[in-house]
């Protein structure tokens, strides 16, 4: 299972990755911003589960999820 964790907090990303790694069977991919998440997705990373912070400086997680639904 491919999991993408998007959060500007290193501690939150690492904590979520630690909890979700057994579910994924591998280390989840971690990025620190919505633009970095888009770069991963455009680069071919296929996501089964996205864990996204709602409030981030450049773009919010809800904006990202809305855009994902459109695609």
PDB file of N, CA and C in Angstrom:
ATOM      1  N   UNK A   1       0.858  -1.179   0.000  1.00  0.00           N
ATOM      2  CA  UNK A   1       0.000   0.000   0.000  1.00  0.00           C
ATOM      3  C   UNK A   1       0.896   1.231   0.000  1.00  0.00           C
ATOM      4  N   UNK A   2       0.649   2.154  -0.909  1.00  0.00           N
ATOM      5  CA  UNK A   2       1.411   3.400  -0.988  1.00  0.00           C
ATOM      6  C   UNK A   2       0.715   4.498  -0.193  1.00  0.00           C
ATOM      7  N   UNK A   3       1.415   5.006   0.803  1.00  0.00           N
ATOM      8  CA  UNK A   3       0.873   6.053   1.661  1.00  0.00           C
ATOM      9  C   UNK A   3       1.711   7.305   1.493  1.00  0.00           C
ATOM     10  N   UNK A   4       1.030   8.429   1.324  1.00  0.00           N
ATOM     11  CA  UNK A   4       1.680   9.732   1.213  1.00  0.00           C
ATOM     12  C   UNK A   4       1.271  10.570   2.418  1.00  0.00           C
ATOM     13  N   UNK A   5       2.270  11.066   3.153  1.00  0.00           N
ATOM     14  CA  UNK A   5       2.023  11.921   4.305  1.00  0.00           C
ATOM     15  C   UNK A   5       2.498  13.322   3.946  1.00  0.00           C
ATOM     16  N   UNK A   6       1.568  14.289   4.032  1.00  0.00           N
ATOM     17  CA  UNK A   6       1.868  15.679   3.686  1.00  0.00           C
ATOM     18  C   UNK A   6       1.648  16.526   4.932  1.00  0.00           C
ATOM     19  N   UNK A   7       2.732  17.047   5.485  1.00  0.00           N
ATOM     20  CA  UNK A   7       2.641  17.865   6.694  1.00  0.00           C
ATOM     21  C   UNK A   7       3.897  18.713   6.795  1.00  0.00           C
ATOM     22  N   UNK A   8       3.725  19.962   7.214  1.00  0.00           N
ATOM     23  CA  UNK A   8       4.877  20.846   7.346  1.00  0.00           C
ATOM     24  C   UNK A   8       5.642  20.612   8.649  1.00  0.00           C
ATOM     25  N   UNK A   9       5.099  19.809   9.541  1.00  0.00           N
ATOM     26  CA  UNK A   9       5.750  19.481  10.809  1.00  0.00           C
ATOM     27  C   UNK A   9       6.495  18.153  10.689  1.00  0.00           C
ATOM     28  N   UNK A  10       7.793  18.195  10.901  1.00  0.00           N
ATOM     29  CA  UNK A  10       8.604  16.980  10.824  1.00  0.00           C
ATOM     30  C   UNK A  10       8.126  15.961  11.851  1.00  0.00           C
ATOM     31  N   UNK A  11       7.857  16.413  13.055  1.00  0.00           N
ATOM     32  CA  UNK A  11       7.419  15.510  14.121  1.00  0.00           C
ATOM     33  C   UNK A  11       6.105  14.813  13.763  1.00  0.00           C
ATOM     34  N   UNK A  12       5.160  15.558  13.216  1.00  0.00           N
ATOM     35  CA  UNK A  12       3.876  14.960  12.814  1.00  0.00           C
ATOM     36  C   UNK A  12       4.061  13.955  11.686  1.00  0.00           C
ATOM     37  N   UNK A  13       4.887  14.303  10.698  1.00  0.00           N
ATOM     38  CA  UNK A  13       5.144  13.374   9.585  1.00  0.00           C
ATOM     39  C   UNK A  13       5.771  12.085  10.093  1.00  0.00           C
ATOM     40  N   UNK A  14       6.790  12.218  10.936  1.00  0.00           N
ATOM     41  CA  UNK A  14       7.481  11.034  11.434  1.00  0.00           C
ATOM     42  C   UNK A  14       6.578  10.177  12.307  1.00  0.00           C
ATOM     43  N   UNK A  15       5.767  10.811  13.127  1.00  0.00           N
ATOM     44  CA  UNK A  15       4.837  10.060  13.986  1.00  0.00           C
ATOM     45  C   UNK A  15       3.822   9.292  13.154  1.00  0.00           C
ATOM     46  N   UNK A  16       3.241   9.963  12.169  1.00  0.00           N
ATOM     47  CA  UNK A  16       2.266   9.303  11.300  1.00  0.00           C
ATOM     48  C   UNK A  16       2.920   8.166  10.524  1.00  0.00           C
ATOM     49  N   UNK A  17       4.122   8.388  10.030  1.00  0.00           N
ATOM     50  CA  UNK A  17       4.826   7.349   9.279  1.00  0.00           C
ATOM     51  C   UNK A  17       5.102   6.129  10.149  1.00  0.00           C
ATOM     52  N   UNK A  18       5.474   6.362  11.387  1.00  0.00           N
ATOM     53  CA  UNK A  18       5.756   5.262  12.307  1.00  0.00           C
ATOM     54  C   UNK A  18       4.504   4.417  12.561  1.00  0.00           C
ATOM     55  N   UNK A  19       3.374   5.083  12.715  1.00  0.00           N
ATOM     56  CA  UNK A  19       2.117   4.370  12.975  1.00  0.00           C
ATOM     57  C   UNK A  19       1.620   3.642  11.726  1.00  0.00           C
ATOM     58  N   UNK A  20       1.793   4.256  10.551  1.00  0.00           N
ATOM     59  CA  UNK A  20       1.225   3.701   9.323  1.00  0.00           C
ATOM     60  C   UNK A  20       2.132   2.713   8.595  1.00  0.00           C
ATOM     61  N   UNK A  21       3.412   2.678   8.914  1.00  0.00           N
ATOM     62  CA  UNK A  21       4.349   1.790   8.216  1.00  0.00           C
ATOM     63  C   UNK A  21       3.913   0.325   8.251  1.00  0.00           C
ATOM     64  N   UNK A  22       3.463  -0.202   9.395  1.00  0.00           N
ATOM     65  CA  UNK A  22       3.026  -1.611   9.382  1.00  0.00           C
ATOM     66  C   UNK A  22       1.847  -1.871   8.443  1.00  0.00           C
ATOM     67  N   UNK A  23       0.949  -0.905   8.323  1.00  0.00           N
ATOM     68  CA  UNK A  23      -0.189  -1.031   7.412  1.00  0.00           C
ATOM     69  C   UNK A  23       0.279  -1.046   5.963  1.00  0.00           C
ATOM     70  N   UNK A  24       1.245  -0.188   5.663  1.00  0.00           N
ATOM     71  CA  UNK A  24       1.735  -0.059   4.298  1.00  0.00           C
ATOM     72  C   UNK A  24       2.646  -1.211   3.903  1.00  0.00           C
ATOM     73  N   UNK A  25       3.323  -1.796   4.883  1.00  0.00           N
ATOM     74  CA  UNK A  25       4.295  -2.825   4.564  1.00  0.00           C
ATOM     75  C   UNK A  25       5.619  -2.234   4.126  1.00  0.00           C
ATOM     76  N   UNK A  26       5.699  -0.916   4.153  1.00  0.00           N
ATOM     77  CA  UNK A  26       6.914  -0.176   3.795  1.00  0.00           C
ATOM     78  C   UNK A  26       6.806   1.220   4.396  1.00  0.00           C
ATOM     79  N   UNK A  27       7.874   1.957   4.358  1.00  0.00           N
ATOM     80  CA  UNK A  27       7.855   3.319   4.897  1.00  0.00           C
ATOM     81  C   UNK A  27       7.003   4.215   3.996  1.00  0.00           C
ATOM     82  N   UNK A  28       6.051   4.939   4.570  1.00  0.00           N
ATOM     83  CA  UNK A  28       5.266   5.880   3.771  1.00  0.00           C
ATOM     84  C   UNK A  28       6.146   7.003   3.205  1.00  0.00           C
ATOM     85  N   UNK A  29       5.745   7.530   2.088  1.00  0.00           N
ATOM     86  CA  UNK A  29       6.456   8.678   1.511  1.00  0.00           C
ATOM     87  C   UNK A  29       6.034   9.916   2.274  1.00  0.00           C
ATOM     88  N   UNK A  30       6.999  10.752   2.640  1.00  0.00           N
ATOM     89  CA  UNK A  30       6.735  11.949   3.422  1.00  0.00           C
ATOM     90  C   UNK A  30       7.185  13.190   2.646  1.00  0.00           C
ATOM     91  N   UNK A  31       6.298  14.180   2.608  1.00  0.00           N
ATOM     92  CA  UNK A  31       6.656  15.471   2.010  1.00  0.00           C
ATOM     93  C   UNK A  31       6.178  16.590   2.930  1.00  0.00           C
ATOM     94  N   UNK A  32       6.795  17.764   2.783  1.00  0.00           N
ATOM     95  CA  UNK A  32       6.526  18.856   3.712  1.00  0.00           C
ATOM     96  C   UNK A  32       5.601  19.943   3.199  1.00  0.00           C
ATOM     97  N   UNK A  33       5.046  19.766   1.990  1.00  0.00           N
ATOM     98  CA  UNK A  33       4.169  20.804   1.443  1.00  0.00           C
ATOM     99  C   UNK A  33       3.291  20.228   0.334  1.00  0.00           C
ATOM    100  N   UNK A  34       2.253  20.959   0.013  1.00  0.00           N
ATOM    101  CA  UNK A  34       1.380  20.558  -1.092  1.00  0.00           C
ATOM    102  C   UNK A  34       2.132  20.575  -2.426  1.00  0.00           C
ATOM    103  N   UNK A  35       2.942  21.611  -2.718  1.00  0.00           N
ATOM    104  CA  UNK A  35       3.708  21.556  -3.973  1.00  0.00           C
ATOM    105  C   UNK A  35       4.610  20.320  -4.067  1.00  0.00           C
ATOM    106  N   UNK A  36       5.216  19.911  -2.963  1.00  0.00           N
ATOM    107  CA  UNK A  36       6.047  18.706  -2.973  1.00  0.00           C
ATOM    108  C   UNK A  36       5.191  17.461  -3.207  1.00  0.00           C
ATOM    109  N   UNK A  37       3.981  17.453  -2.669  1.00  0.00           N
ATOM    110  CA  UNK A  37       3.069  16.335  -2.898  1.00  0.00           C
ATOM    111  C   UNK A  37       2.690  16.247  -4.371  1.00  0.00           C
ATOM    112  N   UNK A  38       2.377  17.391  -4.976  1.00  0.00           N
ATOM    113  CA  UNK A  38       2.028  17.406  -6.406  1.00  0.00           C
ATOM    114  C   UNK A  38       3.190  16.921  -7.242  1.00  0.00           C
ATOM    115  N   UNK A  39       4.403  17.314  -6.856  1.00  0.00           N
ATOM    116  CA  UNK A  39       5.584  16.880  -7.597  1.00  0.00           C
ATOM    117  C   UNK A  39       5.715  15.350  -7.541  1.00  0.00           C
ATOM    118  N   UNK A  40       5.464  14.774  -6.371  1.00  0.00           N
ATOM    119  CA  UNK A  40       5.518  13.316  -6.236  1.00  0.00           C
ATOM    120  C   UNK A  40       4.443  12.650  -7.098  1.00  0.00           C
ATOM    121  N   UNK A  41       3.234  13.209  -7.079  1.00  0.00           N
ATOM    122  CA  UNK A  41       2.136  12.626  -7.847  1.00  0.00           C
ATOM    123  C   UNK A  41       2.366  12.742  -9.349  1.00  0.00           C
ATOM    124  N   UNK A  42       2.812  13.904  -9.786  1.00  0.00           N
ATOM    125  CA  UNK A  42       3.095  14.107 -11.215  1.00  0.00           C
ATOM    126  C   UNK A  42       4.259  13.224 -11.651  1.00  0.00           C
ATOM    127  N   UNK A  43       5.174  12.977 -10.719  1.00  0.00           N
ATOM    128  CA  UNK A  43       6.318  12.120 -11.015  1.00  0.00           C
ATOM    129  C   UNK A  43       5.981  10.633 -11.059  1.00  0.00           C
ATOM    130  N   UNK A  44       4.721  10.284 -10.806  1.00  0.00           N
ATOM    131  CA  UNK A  44       4.290   8.908 -10.958  1.00  0.00           C
ATOM    132  C   UNK A  44       4.035   8.146  -9.672  1.00  0.00           C
ATOM    133  N   UNK A  45       4.165   8.794  -8.519  1.00  0.00           N
ATOM    134  CA  UNK A  45       3.900   8.104  -7.263  1.00  0.00           C
ATOM    135  C   UNK A  45       2.399   7.859  -7.154  1.00  0.00           C
ATOM    136  N   UNK A  46       2.014   6.612  -7.091  1.00  0.00           N
ATOM    137  CA  UNK A  46       0.594   6.239  -6.991  1.00  0.00           C
ATOM    138  C   UNK A  46       0.220   6.091  -5.525  1.00  0.00           C
ATOM    139  N   UNK A  47      -0.830   6.782  -5.131  1.00  0.00           N
ATOM    140  CA  UNK A  47      -1.220   6.843  -3.724  1.00  0.00           C
ATOM    141  C   UNK A  47      -2.483   6.029  -3.473  1.00  0.00           C
ATOM    142  N   UNK A  48      -2.415   5.189  -2.453  1.00  0.00           N
ATOM    143  CA  UNK A  48      -3.595   4.465  -1.984  1.00  0.00           C
ATOM    144  C   UNK A  48      -4.243   5.209  -0.823  1.00  0.00           C
ATOM    145  N   UNK A  49      -3.420   5.895  -0.030  1.00  0.00           N
ATOM    146  CA  UNK A  49      -3.900   6.636   1.124  1.00  0.00           C
ATOM    147  C   UNK A  49      -3.062   7.902   1.268  1.00  0.00           C
ATOM    148  N   UNK A  50      -3.734   9.045   1.413  1.00  0.00           N
ATOM    149  CA  UNK A  50      -3.045  10.316   1.650  1.00  0.00           C
ATOM    150  C   UNK A  50      -3.459  10.852   3.015  1.00  0.00           C
ATOM    151  N   UNK A  51      -2.477  11.174   3.832  1.00  0.00           N
ATOM    152  CA  UNK A  51      -2.700  11.799   5.132  1.00  0.00           C
ATOM    153  C   UNK A  51      -2.165  13.216   4.988  1.00  0.00           C
ATOM    154  N   UNK A  52      -3.080  14.188   5.037  1.00  0.00           N
ATOM    155  CA  UNK A  52      -2.718  15.562   4.690  1.00  0.00           C
ATOM    156  C   UNK A  52      -3.091  16.525   5.808  1.00  0.00           C
ATOM    157  N   UNK A  53      -2.128  17.366   6.195  1.00  0.00           N
ATOM    158  CA  UNK A  53      -2.370  18.417   7.177  1.00  0.00           C
ATOM    159  C   UNK A  53      -3.318  19.445   6.560  1.00  0.00           C
ATOM    160  N   UNK A  54      -4.307  19.876   7.314  1.00  0.00           N
ATOM    161  CA  UNK A  54      -5.295  20.822   6.802  1.00  0.00           C
ATOM    162  C   UNK A  54      -4.716  22.232   6.700  1.00  0.00           C
ATOM    163  N   UNK A  55      -3.895  22.619   7.655  1.00  0.00           N
ATOM    164  CA  UNK A  55      -3.344  23.976   7.678  1.00  0.00           C
ATOM    165  C   UNK A  55      -1.843  23.949   7.443  1.00  0.00           C
ATOM    166  N   UNK A  56      -1.462  24.433   6.262  1.00  0.00           N
ATOM    167  CA  UNK A  56      -0.048  24.560   5.918  1.00  0.00           C
ATOM    168  C   UNK A  56       0.165  25.916   5.276  1.00  0.00           C
ATOM    169  N   UNK A  57       1.385  26.429   5.341  1.00  0.00           N
ATOM    170  CA  UNK A  57       1.649  27.793   4.859  1.00  0.00           C
ATOM    171  C   UNK A  57       1.353  28.042   3.378  1.00  0.00           C
ATOM    172  N   UNK A  58       1.825  27.193   2.485  1.00  0.00           N
ATOM    173  CA  UNK A  58       1.696  27.475   1.052  1.00  0.00           C
ATOM    174  C   UNK A  58       0.312  27.159   0.509  1.00  0.00           C
ATOM    175  N   UNK A  59      -0.208  26.022   0.879  1.00  0.00           N
ATOM    176  CA  UNK A  59      -1.546  25.605   0.440  1.00  0.00           C
ATOM    177  C   UNK A  59      -2.074  24.629   1.465  1.00  0.00           C
ATOM    178  N   UNK A  60      -3.367  24.661   1.687  1.00  0.00           N
ATOM    179  CA  UNK A  60      -3.967  23.797   2.690  1.00  0.00           C
ATOM    180  C   UNK A  60      -4.273  22.417   2.160  1.00  0.00           C
ATOM    181  N   UNK A  61      -4.388  21.500   3.086  1.00  0.00           N
ATOM    182  CA  UNK A  61      -4.691  20.127   2.728  1.00  0.00           C
ATOM    183  C   UNK A  61      -6.048  19.960   2.081  1.00  0.00           C
ATOM    184  N   UNK A  62      -7.026  20.758   2.501  1.00  0.00           N
ATOM    185  CA  UNK A  62      -8.355  20.652   1.897  1.00  0.00           C
ATOM    186  C   UNK A  62      -8.318  21.051   0.425  1.00  0.00           C
ATOM    187  N   UNK A  63      -7.516  22.056   0.095  1.00  0.00           N
ATOM    188  CA  UNK A  63      -7.352  22.446  -1.311  1.00  0.00           C
ATOM    189  C   UNK A  63      -6.759  21.291  -2.116  1.00  0.00           C
ATOM    190  N   UNK A  64      -5.773  20.642  -1.527  1.00  0.00           N
ATOM    191  CA  UNK A  64      -5.140  19.526  -2.214  1.00  0.00           C
ATOM    192  C   UNK A  64      -6.133  18.391  -2.439  1.00  0.00           C
ATOM    193  N   UNK A  65      -6.909  18.059  -1.428  1.00  0.00           N
ATOM    194  CA  UNK A  65      -7.876  16.970  -1.564  1.00  0.00           C
ATOM    195  C   UNK A  65      -8.971  17.301  -2.571  1.00  0.00           C
ATOM    196  N   UNK A  66      -9.409  18.552  -2.608  1.00  0.00           N
ATOM    197  CA  UNK A  66     -10.387  18.965  -3.616  1.00  0.00           C
ATOM    198  C   UNK A  66      -9.835  18.767  -5.017  1.00  0.00           C
ATOM    199  N   UNK A  67      -8.591  19.144  -5.196  1.00  0.00           N
ATOM    200  CA  UNK A  67      -7.962  19.005  -6.514  1.00  0.00           C
ATOM    201  C   UNK A  67      -7.780  17.526  -6.878  1.00  0.00           C
ATOM    202  N   UNK A  68      -7.423  16.712  -5.892  1.00  0.00           N
ATOM    203  CA  UNK A  68      -7.302  15.275  -6.151  1.00  0.00           C
ATOM    204  C   UNK A  68      -8.636  14.680  -6.598  1.00  0.00           C
ATOM    205  N   UNK A  69      -9.703  15.094  -5.958  1.00  0.00           N
ATOM    206  CA  UNK A  69     -11.035  14.579  -6.330  1.00  0.00           C
ATOM    207  C   UNK A  69     -11.393  14.971  -7.762  1.00  0.00           C
ATOM    208  N   UNK A  70     -10.980  16.156  -8.182  1.00  0.00           N
ATOM    209  CA  UNK A  70     -11.265  16.606  -9.537  1.00  0.00           C
ATOM    210  C   UNK A  70     -10.529  15.772 -10.573  1.00  0.00           C
ATOM    211  N   UNK A  71      -9.333  15.351 -10.214  1.00  0.00           N
ATOM    212  CA  UNK A  71      -8.529  14.539 -11.136  1.00  0.00           C
ATOM    213  C   UNK A  71      -9.048  13.126 -11.123  1.00  0.00           C
TER     214      UNK A  71
END
